[in-house]
C-alpha cells in the first residue's frame, strides 16, 4: 500500500515538473515571437478594417433574405406538424357535430 502512495507521489512530482517545463517553454516562445506578432498586427489592421466594412455591408444585404428564409421555414415546420393531425381534427369535428345535434336543450328566454 505504501508503494502505491509513493508511486502516486512520484507521478505528481513528474506532472509538476512537466507542467513547469511546458510553462517555461511557452513563456520563451511568447517572448521570442512577440515582435513578429506586433508587426503582423500592425500590418493586418487595415485588412481587419476592410473585413469589418465588407461584413457589415453583407449583413445589411443578407439579413432580409435570412429573415424571409426563417419565416418560410417556420411556416413549413407548422405545416409539417399540422398536416398529420388533420385526420384527428376531422374525427373530433365529427364527434362535436354528433354531440351538438343530439342535444335537444332549448334556452328559456326571459
PDB file of N, CA and C in Angstrom:
ATOM      1  N   UNK A   1       0.818  -1.182   0.000  1.00  0.00           N
ATOM      2  CA  UNK A   1       0.000   0.000   0.000  1.00  0.00           C
ATOM      3  C   UNK A   1       0.868   1.255   0.000  1.00  0.00           C
ATOM      4  N   UNK A   2       1.950   1.192   0.744  1.00  0.00           N
ATOM      5  CA  UNK A   2       2.861   2.337   0.797  1.00  0.00           C
ATOM      6  C   UNK A   2       3.481   2.569  -0.574  1.00  0.00           C
ATOM      7  N   UNK A   3       3.715   1.486  -1.286  1.00  0.00           N
ATOM      8  CA  UNK A   3       4.296   1.624  -2.616  1.00  0.00           C
ATOM      9  C   UNK A   3       3.364   2.397  -3.551  1.00  0.00           C
ATOM     10  N   UNK A   4       2.055   2.147  -3.447  1.00  0.00           N
ATOM     11  CA  UNK A   4       1.096   2.861  -4.298  1.00  0.00           C
ATOM     12  C   UNK A   4       1.065   4.348  -3.975  1.00  0.00           C
ATOM     13  N   UNK A   5       1.110   4.685  -2.692  1.00  0.00           N
ATOM     14  CA  UNK A   5       1.126   6.083  -2.298  1.00  0.00           C
ATOM     15  C   UNK A   5       2.401   6.748  -2.787  1.00  0.00           C
ATOM     16  N   UNK A   6       3.531   6.036  -2.662  1.00  0.00           N
ATOM     17  CA  UNK A   6       4.803   6.563  -3.138  1.00  0.00           C
ATOM     18  C   UNK A   6       4.783   6.743  -4.660  1.00  0.00           C
ATOM     19  N   UNK A   7       4.201   5.786  -5.361  1.00  0.00           N
ATOM     20  CA  UNK A   7       4.092   5.883  -6.820  1.00  0.00           C
ATOM     21  C   UNK A   7       3.209   7.067  -7.232  1.00  0.00           C
ATOM     22  N   UNK A   8       2.119   7.273  -6.509  1.00  0.00           N
ATOM     23  CA  UNK A   8       1.255   8.409  -6.796  1.00  0.00           C
ATOM     24  C   UNK A   8       1.981   9.721  -6.524  1.00  0.00           C
ATOM     25  N   UNK A   9       2.765   9.775  -5.455  1.00  0.00           N
ATOM     26  CA  UNK A   9       3.543  10.978  -5.157  1.00  0.00           C
ATOM     27  C   UNK A   9       4.566  11.263  -6.230  1.00  0.00           C
ATOM     28  N   UNK A  10       5.248  10.213  -6.726  1.00  0.00           N
ATOM     29  CA  UNK A  10       6.229  10.392  -7.806  1.00  0.00           C
ATOM     30  C   UNK A  10       5.529  10.877  -9.071  1.00  0.00           C
ATOM     31  N   UNK A  11       4.348  10.340  -9.347  1.00  0.00           N
ATOM     32  CA  UNK A  11       3.601  10.771 -10.529  1.00  0.00           C
ATOM     33  C   UNK A  11       3.225  12.251 -10.414  1.00  0.00           C
ATOM     34  N   UNK A  12       2.836  12.693  -9.229  1.00  0.00           N
ATOM     35  CA  UNK A  12       2.507  14.103  -9.044  1.00  0.00           C
ATOM     36  C   UNK A  12       3.731  14.994  -9.210  1.00  0.00           C
ATOM     37  N   UNK A  13       4.874  14.542  -8.724  1.00  0.00           N
ATOM     38  CA  UNK A  13       6.105  15.322  -8.884  1.00  0.00           C
ATOM     39  C   UNK A  13       6.479  15.425 -10.355  1.00  0.00           C
ATOM     40  N   UNK A  14       6.374  14.303 -11.090  1.00  0.00           N
ATOM     41  CA  UNK A  14       6.688  14.311 -12.526  1.00  0.00           C
ATOM     42  C   UNK A  14       5.718  15.234 -13.258  1.00  0.00           C
ATOM     43  N   UNK A  15       4.447  15.183 -12.889  1.00  0.00           N
ATOM     44  CA  UNK A  15       3.460  16.067 -13.520  1.00  0.00           C
ATOM     45  C   UNK A  15       3.782  17.535 -13.246  1.00  0.00           C
ATOM     46  N   UNK A  16       4.188  17.846 -12.037  1.00  0.00           N
ATOM     47  CA  UNK A  16       4.535  19.224 -11.705  1.00  0.00           C
ATOM     48  C   UNK A  16       5.756  19.687 -12.483  1.00  0.00           C
ATOM     49  N   UNK A  17       6.765  18.828 -12.619  1.00  0.00           N
ATOM     50  CA  UNK A  17       7.979  19.193 -13.357  1.00  0.00           C
ATOM     51  C   UNK A  17       7.647  19.418 -14.828  1.00  0.00           C
ATOM     52  N   UNK A  18       6.840  18.539 -15.406  1.00  0.00           N
ATOM     53  CA  UNK A  18       6.464  18.689 -16.818  1.00  0.00           C
ATOM     54  C   UNK A  18       5.651  19.969 -17.008  1.00  0.00           C
ATOM     55  N   UNK A  19       4.748  20.265 -16.084  1.00  0.00           N
ATOM     56  CA  UNK A  19       3.949  21.481 -16.182  1.00  0.00           C
ATOM     57  C   UNK A  19       4.825  22.726 -16.128  1.00  0.00           C
ATOM     58  N   UNK A  20       5.785  22.743 -15.231  1.00  0.00           N
ATOM     59  CA  UNK A  20       6.688  23.886 -15.136  1.00  0.00           C
ATOM     60  C   UNK A  20       7.528  24.013 -16.400  1.00  0.00           C
ATOM     61  N   UNK A  21       8.011  22.894 -16.952  1.00  0.00           N
ATOM     62  CA  UNK A  21       8.821  22.941 -18.164  1.00  0.00           C
ATOM     63  C   UNK A  21       8.015  23.466 -19.345  1.00  0.00           C
ATOM     64  N   UNK A  22       6.792  23.015 -19.481  1.00  0.00           N
ATOM     65  CA  UNK A  22       5.950  23.474 -20.592  1.00  0.00           C
ATOM     66  C   UNK A  22       5.618  24.952 -20.431  1.00  0.00           C
ATOM     67  N   UNK A  23       5.373  25.395 -19.206  1.00  0.00           N
ATOM     68  CA  UNK A  23       5.090  26.809 -18.969  1.00  0.00           C
ATOM     69  C   UNK A  23       6.296  27.674 -19.313  1.00  0.00           C
ATOM     70  N   UNK A  24       7.486  27.226 -18.943  1.00  0.00           N
ATOM     71  CA  UNK A  24       8.702  27.980 -19.270  1.00  0.00           C
ATOM     72  C   UNK A  24       8.897  28.045 -20.793  1.00  0.00           C
ATOM     73  N   UNK A  25       8.672  26.919 -21.484  1.00  0.00           N
ATOM     74  CA  UNK A  25       8.793  26.908 -22.948  1.00  0.00           C
ATOM     75  C   UNK A  25       7.785  27.858 -23.580  1.00  0.00           C
ATOM     76  N   UNK A  26       6.577  27.886 -23.040  1.00  0.00           N
ATOM     77  CA  UNK A  26       5.556  28.789 -23.566  1.00  0.00           C
ATOM     78  C   UNK A  26       5.967  30.250 -23.369  1.00  0.00           C
ATOM     79  N   UNK A  27       6.506  30.578 -22.216  1.00  0.00           N
ATOM     80  CA  UNK A  27       6.936  31.953 -21.956  1.00  0.00           C
ATOM     81  C   UNK A  27       8.069  32.365 -22.888  1.00  0.00           C
ATOM     82  N   UNK A  28       9.029  31.461 -23.122  1.00  0.00           N
ATOM     83  CA  UNK A  28      10.147  31.781 -24.013  1.00  0.00           C
ATOM     84  C   UNK A  28       9.648  31.985 -25.439  1.00  0.00           C
ATOM     85  N   UNK A  29       8.802  31.104 -25.916  1.00  0.00           N
ATOM     86  CA  UNK A  29       8.257  31.259 -27.276  1.00  0.00           C
ATOM     87  C   UNK A  29       7.435  32.549 -27.389  1.00  0.00           C
ATOM     88  N   UNK A  30       6.672  32.885 -26.347  1.00  0.00           N
ATOM     89  CA  UNK A  30       5.875  34.094 -26.378  1.00  0.00           C
ATOM     90  C   UNK A  30       6.778  35.327 -26.477  1.00  0.00           C
ATOM     91  N   UNK A  31       7.869  35.345 -25.733  1.00  0.00           N
ATOM     92  CA  UNK A  31       8.787  36.486 -25.781  1.00  0.00           C
ATOM     93  C   UNK A  31       9.528  36.566 -27.111  1.00  0.00           C
ATOM     94  N   UNK A  32       9.911  35.420 -27.661  1.00  0.00           N
ATOM     95  CA  UNK A  32      10.649  35.419 -28.928  1.00  0.00           C
ATOM     96  C   UNK A  32       9.740  35.859 -30.070  1.00  0.00           C
ATOM     97  N   UNK A  33       8.497  35.417 -30.045  1.00  0.00           N
ATOM     98  CA  UNK A  33       7.585  35.711 -31.156  1.00  0.00           C
ATOM     99  C   UNK A  33       6.791  37.003 -30.966  1.00  0.00           C
ATOM    100  N   UNK A  34       6.985  37.709 -29.849  1.00  0.00           N
ATOM    101  CA  UNK A  34       6.242  38.941 -29.607  1.00  0.00           C
ATOM    102  C   UNK A  34       6.488  40.011 -30.670  1.00  0.00           C
ATOM    103  N   UNK A  35       7.733  40.284 -31.100  1.00  0.00           N
ATOM    104  CA  UNK A  35       7.899  41.297 -32.153  1.00  0.00           C
ATOM    105  C   UNK A  35       7.210  40.914 -33.462  1.00  0.00           C
ATOM    106  N   UNK A  36       7.258  39.652 -33.803  1.00  0.00           N
ATOM    107  CA  UNK A  36       6.588  39.200 -35.031  1.00  0.00           C
ATOM    108  C   UNK A  36       5.072  39.389 -34.916  1.00  0.00           C
ATOM    109  N   UNK A  37       4.513  39.063 -33.760  1.00  0.00           N
ATOM    110  CA  UNK A  37       3.072  39.242 -33.573  1.00  0.00           C
ATOM    111  C   UNK A  37       2.685  40.711 -33.637  1.00  0.00           C
ATOM    112  N   UNK A  38       3.492  41.578 -33.039  1.00  0.00           N
ATOM    113  CA  UNK A  38       3.199  43.008 -33.095  1.00  0.00           C
ATOM    114  C   UNK A  38       3.278  43.536 -34.520  1.00  0.00           C
ATOM    115  N   UNK A  39       4.292  43.108 -35.281  1.00  0.00           N
ATOM    116  CA  UNK A  39       4.442  43.544 -36.666  1.00  0.00           C
ATOM    117  C   UNK A  39       3.271  43.072 -37.516  1.00  0.00           C
ATOM    118  N   UNK A  40       2.885  41.819 -37.357  1.00  0.00           N
ATOM    119  CA  UNK A  40       1.746  41.312 -38.127  1.00  0.00           C
ATOM    120  C   UNK A  40       0.453  42.010 -37.719  1.00  0.00           C
ATOM    121  N   UNK A  41       0.333  42.346 -36.443  1.00  0.00           N
ATOM    122  CA  UNK A  41      -0.862  43.065 -36.003  1.00  0.00           C
ATOM    123  C   UNK A  41      -0.972  44.422 -36.658  1.00  0.00           C
ATOM    124  N   UNK A  42       0.156  45.128 -36.772  1.00  0.00           N
ATOM    125  CA  UNK A  42       0.138  46.444 -37.412  1.00  0.00           C
ATOM    126  C   UNK A  42      -0.121  46.313 -38.908  1.00  0.00           C
ATOM    127  N   UNK A  43       0.459  45.295 -39.546  1.00  0.00           N
ATOM    128  CA  UNK A  43       0.268  45.127 -40.984  1.00  0.00           C
ATOM    129  C   UNK A  43      -1.133  44.647 -41.336  1.00  0.00           C
ATOM    130  N   UNK A  44      -1.733  43.855 -40.466  1.00  0.00           N
ATOM    131  CA  UNK A  44      -3.036  43.289 -40.793  1.00  0.00           C
ATOM    132  C   UNK A  44      -4.212  44.134 -40.315  1.00  0.00           C
ATOM    133  N   UNK A  45      -3.951  45.221 -39.578  1.00  0.00           N
ATOM    134  CA  UNK A  45      -5.037  46.067 -39.101  1.00  0.00           C
ATOM    135  C   UNK A  45      -5.889  46.646 -40.238  1.00  0.00           C
ATOM    136  N   UNK A  46      -5.294  47.138 -41.335  1.00  0.00           N
ATOM    137  CA  UNK A  46      -6.153  47.619 -42.436  1.00  0.00           C
ATOM    138  C   UNK A  46      -7.011  46.510 -43.042  1.00  0.00           C
ATOM    139  N   UNK A  47      -6.466  45.314 -43.116  1.00  0.00           N
ATOM    140  CA  UNK A  47      -7.271  44.205 -43.649  1.00  0.00           C
ATOM    141  C   UNK A  47      -8.433  43.868 -42.728  1.00  0.00           C
ATOM    142  N   UNK A  48      -8.213  43.964 -41.423  1.00  0.00           N
ATOM    143  CA  UNK A  48      -9.308  43.714 -40.491  1.00  0.00           C
ATOM    144  C   UNK A  48     -10.395  44.781 -40.611  1.00  0.00           C
ATOM    145  N   UNK A  49      -9.987  46.030 -40.864  1.00  0.00           N
ATOM    146  CA  UNK A  49     -10.985  47.083 -41.059  1.00  0.00           C
ATOM    147  C   UNK A  49     -11.793  46.844 -42.334  1.00  0.00           C
ATOM    148  N   UNK A  50     -11.117  46.440 -43.406  1.00  0.00           N
ATOM    149  CA  UNK A  50     -11.818  46.123 -44.655  1.00  0.00           C
ATOM    150  C   UNK A  50     -12.777  44.957 -44.429  1.00  0.00           C
ATOM    151  N   UNK A  51     -12.323  43.963 -43.677  1.00  0.00           N
ATOM    152  CA  UNK A  51     -13.181  42.809 -43.387  1.00  0.00           C
ATOM    153  C   UNK A  51     -14.424  43.243 -42.613  1.00  0.00           C
ATOM    154  N   UNK A  52     -14.259  44.148 -41.652  1.00  0.00           N
ATOM    155  CA  UNK A  52     -15.403  44.620 -40.870  1.00  0.00           C
ATOM    156  C   UNK A  52     -16.386  45.389 -41.743  1.00  0.00           C
ATOM    157  N   UNK A  53     -15.877  46.224 -42.640  1.00  0.00           N
ATOM    158  CA  UNK A  53     -16.760  47.004 -43.520  1.00  0.00           C
ATOM    159  C   UNK A  53     -17.514  46.088 -44.472  1.00  0.00           C
ATOM    160  N   UNK A  54     -16.801  45.163 -45.096  1.00  0.00           N
ATOM    161  CA  UNK A  54     -17.450  44.228 -46.027  1.00  0.00           C
ATOM    162  C   UNK A  54     -18.462  43.361 -45.288  1.00  0.00           C
ATOM    163  N   UNK A  55     -18.115  42.919 -44.086  1.00  0.00           N
ATOM    164  CA  UNK A  55     -19.062  42.119 -43.302  1.00  0.00           C
ATOM    165  C   UNK A  55     -20.307  42.898 -42.950  1.00  0.00           C
ATOM    166  N   UNK A  56     -20.154  44.167 -42.602  1.00  0.00           N
ATOM    167  CA  UNK A  56     -21.321  44.985 -42.297  1.00  0.00           C
ATOM    168  C   UNK A  56     -22.227  45.175 -43.497  1.00  0.00           C
ATOM    169  N   UNK A  57     -21.624  45.436 -44.657  1.00  0.00           N
ATOM    170  CA  UNK A  57     -22.424  45.608 -45.879  1.00  0.00           C
ATOM    171  C   UNK A  57     -23.141  44.311 -46.234  1.00  0.00           C
ATOM    172  N   UNK A  58     -22.434  43.188 -46.134  1.00  0.00           N
ATOM    173  CA  UNK A  58     -23.072  41.898 -46.434  1.00  0.00           C
ATOM    174  C   UNK A  58     -24.191  41.589 -45.444  1.00  0.00           C
ATOM    175  N   UNK A  59     -24.009  41.983 -44.188  1.00  0.00           N
ATOM    176  CA  UNK A  59     -25.061  41.757 -43.206  1.00  0.00           C
ATOM    177  C   UNK A  59     -26.314  42.532 -43.565  1.00  0.00           C
ATOM    178  N   UNK A  60     -26.145  43.773 -44.021  1.00  0.00           N
ATOM    179  CA  UNK A  60     -27.301  44.585 -44.407  1.00  0.00           C
ATOM    180  C   UNK A  60     -28.005  43.966 -45.614  1.00  0.00           C
ATOM    181  N   UNK A  61     -27.243  43.368 -46.512  1.00  0.00           N
ATOM    182  CA  UNK A  61     -27.839  42.780 -47.715  1.00  0.00           C
ATOM    183  C   UNK A  61     -28.477  41.423 -47.413  1.00  0.00           C
ATOM    184  N   UNK A  62     -27.816  40.605 -46.592  1.00  0.00           N
ATOM    185  CA  UNK A  62     -28.255  39.229 -46.389  1.00  0.00           C
ATOM    186  C   UNK A  62     -29.312  39.107 -45.293  1.00  0.00           C
ATOM    187  N   UNK A  63     -29.366  40.040 -44.357  1.00  0.00           N
ATOM    188  CA  UNK A  63     -30.296  39.931 -43.230  1.00  0.00           C
ATOM    189  C   UNK A  63     -31.758  39.813 -43.668  1.00  0.00           C
ATOM    190  N   UNK A  64     -32.258  40.630 -44.598  1.00  0.00           N
ATOM    191  CA  UNK A  64     -33.664  40.449 -45.000  1.00  0.00           C
ATOM    192  C   UNK A  64     -33.932  39.084 -45.656  1.00  0.00           C
ATOM    193  N   UNK A  65     -32.980  38.619 -46.413  1.00  0.00           N
ATOM    194  CA  UNK A  65     -33.153  37.305 -47.045  1.00  0.00           C
ATOM    195  C   UNK A  65     -33.211  36.217 -45.983  1.00  0.00           C
ATOM    196  N   UNK A  66     -32.374  36.317 -44.963  1.00  0.00           N
ATOM    197  CA  UNK A  66     -32.372  35.321 -43.905  1.00  0.00           C
ATOM    198  C   UNK A  66     -33.663  35.380 -43.082  1.00  0.00           C
ATOM    199  N   UNK A  67     -34.163  36.585 -42.842  1.00  0.00           N
ATOM    200  CA  UNK A  67     -35.425  36.706 -42.110  1.00  0.00           C
ATOM    201  C   UNK A  67     -36.556  36.058 -42.894  1.00  0.00           C
ATOM    202  N   UNK A  68     -36.596  36.303 -44.202  1.00  0.00           N
ATOM    203  CA  UNK A  68     -37.609  35.673 -45.049  1.00  0.00           C
ATOM    204  C   UNK A  68     -37.463  34.155 -45.040  1.00  0.00           C
ATOM    205  N   UNK A  69     -36.233  33.677 -45.089  1.00  0.00           N
ATOM    206  CA  UNK A  69     -36.000  32.228 -45.061  1.00  0.00           C
ATOM    207  C   UNK A  69     -36.467  31.629 -43.739  1.00  0.00           C
ATOM    208  N   UNK A  70     -36.252  32.328 -42.619  1.00  0.00           N
ATOM    209  CA  UNK A  70     -36.705  31.822 -41.332  1.00  0.00           C
ATOM    210  C   UNK A  70     -38.227  31.798 -41.243  1.00  0.00           C
ATOM    211  N   UNK A  71     -38.891  32.794 -41.828  1.00  0.00           N
ATOM    212  CA  UNK A  71     -40.359  32.808 -41.831  1.00  0.00           C
ATOM    213  C   UNK A  71     -40.900  31.639 -42.653  1.00  0.00           C
ATOM    214  N   UNK A  72     -40.314  31.406 -43.812  1.00  0.00           N
ATOM    215  CA  UNK A  72     -40.747  30.281 -44.657  1.00  0.00           C
ATOM    216  C   UNK A  72     -40.493  28.954 -43.953  1.00  0.00           C
ATOM    217  N   UNK A  73     -39.333  28.838 -43.278  1.00  0.00           N
ATOM    218  CA  UNK A  73     -39.023  27.602 -42.560  1.00  0.00           C
ATOM    219  C   UNK A  73     -40.003  27.383 -41.407  1.00  0.00           C
ATOM    220  N   UNK A  74     -40.395  28.451 -40.711  1.00  0.00           N
ATOM    221  CA  UNK A  74     -41.361  28.316 -39.622  1.00  0.00           C
ATOM    222  C   UNK A  74     -42.724  27.875 -40.158  1.00  0.00           C
ATOM    223  N   UNK A  75     -43.138  28.437 -41.299  1.00  0.00           N
ATOM    224  CA  UNK A  75     -44.402  28.015 -41.908  1.00  0.00           C
ATOM    225  C   UNK A  75     -44.339  26.553 -42.337  1.00  0.00           C
ATOM    226  N   UNK A  76     -43.215  26.133 -42.913  1.00  0.00           N
ATOM    227  CA  UNK A  76     -43.059  24.737 -43.329  1.00  0.00           C
ATOM    228  C   UNK A  76     -43.087  23.804 -42.123  1.00  0.00           C
ATOM    229  N   UNK A  77     -42.465  24.219 -41.028  1.00  0.00           N
ATOM    230  CA  UNK A  77     -42.485  23.404 -39.815  1.00  0.00           C
ATOM    231  C   UNK A  77     -43.903  23.293 -39.267  1.00  0.00           C
ATOM    232  N   UNK A  78     -44.624  24.414 -39.257  1.00  0.00           N
ATOM    233  CA  UNK A  78     -46.017  24.385 -38.799  1.00  0.00           C
ATOM    234  C   UNK A  78     -46.859  23.456 -39.674  1.00  0.00           C
ATOM    235  N   UNK A  79     -46.687  23.531 -40.985  1.00  0.00           N
ATOM    236  CA  UNK A  79     -47.443  22.667 -41.896  1.00  0.00           C
ATOM    237  C   UNK A  79     -47.061  21.201 -41.695  1.00  0.00           C
ATOM    238  N   UNK A  80     -45.777  20.931 -41.477  1.00  0.00           N
ATOM    239  CA  UNK A  80     -45.335  19.547 -41.287  1.00  0.00           C
ATOM    240  C   UNK A  80     -45.899  18.949 -40.005  1.00  0.00           C
ATOM    241  N   UNK A  81     -46.151  19.790 -39.003  1.00  0.00           N
ATOM    242  CA  UNK A  81     -46.733  19.283 -37.766  1.00  0.00           C
ATOM    243  C   UNK A  81     -48.256  19.211 -37.888  1.00  0.00           C
ATOM    244  N   UNK A  82     -48.873  20.171 -38.559  1.00  0.00           N
ATOM    245  CA  UNK A  82     -50.332  20.245 -38.602  1.00  0.00           C
ATOM    246  C   UNK A  82     -50.955  19.235 -39.559  1.00  0.00           C
ATOM    247  N   UNK A  83     -50.327  18.967 -40.677  1.00  0.00           N
ATOM    248  CA  UNK A  83     -50.935  18.090 -41.687  1.00  0.00           C
ATOM    249  C   UNK A  83     -51.174  16.676 -41.155  1.00  0.00           C
ATOM    250  N   UNK A  84     -50.261  16.051 -40.441  1.00  0.00           N
ATOM    251  CA  UNK A  84     -50.579  14.715 -39.914  1.00  0.00           C
ATOM    252  C   UNK A  84     -51.694  14.723 -38.868  1.00  0.00           C
ATOM    253  N   UNK A  85     -51.978  15.857 -38.250  1.00  0.00           N
ATOM    254  CA  UNK A  85     -53.039  15.929 -37.244  1.00  0.00           C
ATOM    255  C   UNK A  85     -54.415  16.192 -37.842  1.00  0.00           C
ATOM    256  N   UNK A  86     -54.490  16.461 -39.139  1.00  0.00           N
ATOM    257  CA  UNK A  86     -55.789  16.765 -39.758  1.00  0.00           C
ATOM    258  C   UNK A  86     -56.814  15.640 -39.616  1.00  0.00           C
ATOM    259  N   UNK A  87     -56.463  14.365 -39.769  1.00  0.00           N
ATOM    260  CA  UNK A  87     -57.488  13.317 -39.565  1.00  0.00           C
ATOM    261  C   UNK A  87     -58.040  13.308 -38.138  1.00  0.00           C
ATOM    262  N   UNK A  88     -57.194  13.553 -37.156  1.00  0.00           N
ATOM    263  CA  UNK A  88     -57.677  13.607 -35.782  1.00  0.00           C
ATOM    264  C   UNK A  88     -58.602  14.800 -35.572  1.00  0.00           C
ATOM    265  N   UNK A  89     -58.258  15.924 -36.168  1.00  0.00           N
ATOM    266  CA  UNK A  89     -59.131  17.091 -36.063  1.00  0.00           C
ATOM    267  C   UNK A  89     -60.475  16.835 -36.748  1.00  0.00           C
ATOM    268  N   UNK A  90     -60.457  16.123 -37.866  1.00  0.00           N
ATOM    269  CA  UNK A  90     -61.701  15.795 -38.576  1.00  0.00           C
ATOM    270  C   UNK A  90     -62.580  14.887 -37.727  1.00  0.00           C
ATOM    271  N   UNK A  91     -61.995  13.888 -37.093  1.00  0.00           N
ATOM    272  CA  UNK A  91     -62.761  12.991 -36.220  1.00  0.00           C
ATOM    273  C   UNK A  91     -63.331  13.775 -35.043  1.00  0.00           C
ATOM    274  N   UNK A  92     -62.546  14.655 -34.465  1.00  0.00           N
ATOM    275  CA  UNK A  92     -63.043  15.473 -33.354  1.00  0.00           C
ATOM    276  C   UNK A  92     -64.192  16.374 -33.816  1.00  0.00           C
ATOM    277  N   UNK A  93     -64.090  16.903 -35.009  1.00  0.00           N
ATOM    278  CA  UNK A  93     -65.163  17.744 -35.550  1.00  0.00           C
ATOM    279  C   UNK A  93     -66.438  16.924 -35.744  1.00  0.00           C
ATOM    280  N   UNK A  94     -66.315  15.696 -36.273  1.00  0.00           N
ATOM    281  CA  UNK A  94     -67.494  14.842 -36.440  1.00  0.00           C
ATOM    282  C   UNK A  94     -68.134  14.499 -35.108  1.00  0.00           C
ATOM    283  N   UNK A  95     -67.320  14.201 -34.103  1.00  0.00           N
ATOM    284  CA  UNK A  95     -67.865  13.906 -32.776  1.00  0.00           C
ATOM    285  C   UNK A  95     -68.590  15.137 -32.227  1.00  0.00           C
ATOM    286  N   UNK A  96     -68.020  16.296 -32.421  1.00  0.00           N
ATOM    287  CA  UNK A  96     -68.656  17.524 -31.959  1.00  0.00           C
ATOM    288  C   UNK A  96     -69.998  17.741 -32.658  1.00  0.00           C
ATOM    289  N   UNK A  97     -70.023  17.460 -33.996  1.00  0.00           N
ATOM    290  CA  UNK A  97     -71.296  17.616 -34.720  1.00  0.00           C
ATOM    291  C   UNK A  97     -72.356  16.670 -34.189  1.00  0.00           C
ATOM    292  N   UNK A  98     -71.975  15.414 -33.922  1.00  0.00           N
ATOM    293  CA  UNK A  98     -72.943  14.429 -33.424  1.00  0.00           C
ATOM    294  C   UNK A  98     -73.432  14.831 -32.043  1.00  0.00           C
ATOM    295  N   UNK A  99     -72.533  15.243 -31.182  1.00  0.00           N
ATOM    296  CA  UNK A  99     -72.926  15.620 -29.828  1.00  0.00           C
ATOM    297  C   UNK A  99     -73.800  16.862 -29.864  1.00  0.00           C
ATOM    298  N   UNK A 100     -73.475  17.802 -30.719  1.00  0.00           N
ATOM    299  CA  UNK A 100     -74.250  19.037 -30.806  1.00  0.00           C
ATOM    300  C   UNK A 100     -75.650  18.779 -31.356  1.00  0.00           C
ATOM    301  N   UNK A 101     -75.763  17.870 -32.335  1.00  0.00           N
ATOM    302  CA  UNK A 101     -77.069  17.632 -32.950  1.00  0.00           C
ATOM    303  C   UNK A 101     -77.984  16.814 -32.044  1.00  0.00           C
ATOM    304  N   UNK A 102     -77.427  15.995 -31.164  1.00  0.00           N
ATOM    305  CA  UNK A 102     -78.278  15.164 -30.306  1.00  0.00           C
ATOM    306  C   UNK A 102     -78.775  15.911 -29.080  1.00  0.00           C
ATOM    307  N   UNK A 103     -78.136  16.968 -28.714  1.00  0.00           N
ATOM    308  CA  UNK A 103     -78.616  17.694 -27.531  1.00  0.00           C
ATOM    309  C   UNK A 103     -79.845  18.508 -27.921  1.00  0.00           C
ATOM    310  N   UNK A 104     -80.907  18.329 -27.163  1.00  0.00           N
ATOM    311  CA  UNK A 104     -82.166  18.983 -27.523  1.00  0.00           C
ATOM    312  C   UNK A 104     -82.553  20.022 -26.468  1.00  0.00           C
ATOM    313  N   UNK A 105     -81.614  20.520 -25.798  1.00  0.00           N
ATOM    314  CA  UNK A 105     -81.947  21.529 -24.795  1.00  0.00           C
ATOM    315  C   UNK A 105     -82.225  22.846 -25.493  1.00  0.00           C
ATOM    316  N   UNK A 106     -83.222  23.511 -25.008  1.00  0.00           N
ATOM    317  CA  UNK A 106     -83.531  24.822 -25.575  1.00  0.00           C
ATOM    318  C   UNK A 106     -83.358  25.873 -24.490  1.00  0.00           C
ATOM    319  N   UNK A 107     -82.907  26.983 -24.913  1.00  0.00           N
ATOM    320  CA  UNK A 107     -82.709  28.057 -23.951  1.00  0.00           C
ATOM    321  C   UNK A 107     -84.054  28.703 -23.642  1.00  0.00           C
ATOM    322  N   UNK A 108     -84.261  28.965 -22.403  1.00  0.00           N
ATOM    323  CA  UNK A 108     -85.501  29.620 -21.988  1.00  0.00           C
ATOM    324  C   UNK A 108     -85.262  31.117 -21.987  1.00  0.00           C
ATOM    325  N   UNK A 109     -86.048  31.807 -22.789  1.00  0.00           N
ATOM    326  CA  UNK A 109     -85.885  33.268 -22.881  1.00  0.00           C
ATOM    327  C   UNK A 109     -86.687  33.907 -21.781  1.00  0.00           C
ATOM    328  N   UNK A 110     -86.119  34.832 -21.108  1.00  0.00           N
ATOM    329  CA  UNK A 110     -86.833  35.530 -20.051  1.00  0.00           C
ATOM    330  C   UNK A 110     -87.137  36.932 -20.448  1.00  0.00           C
TER     331      UNK A 110
END
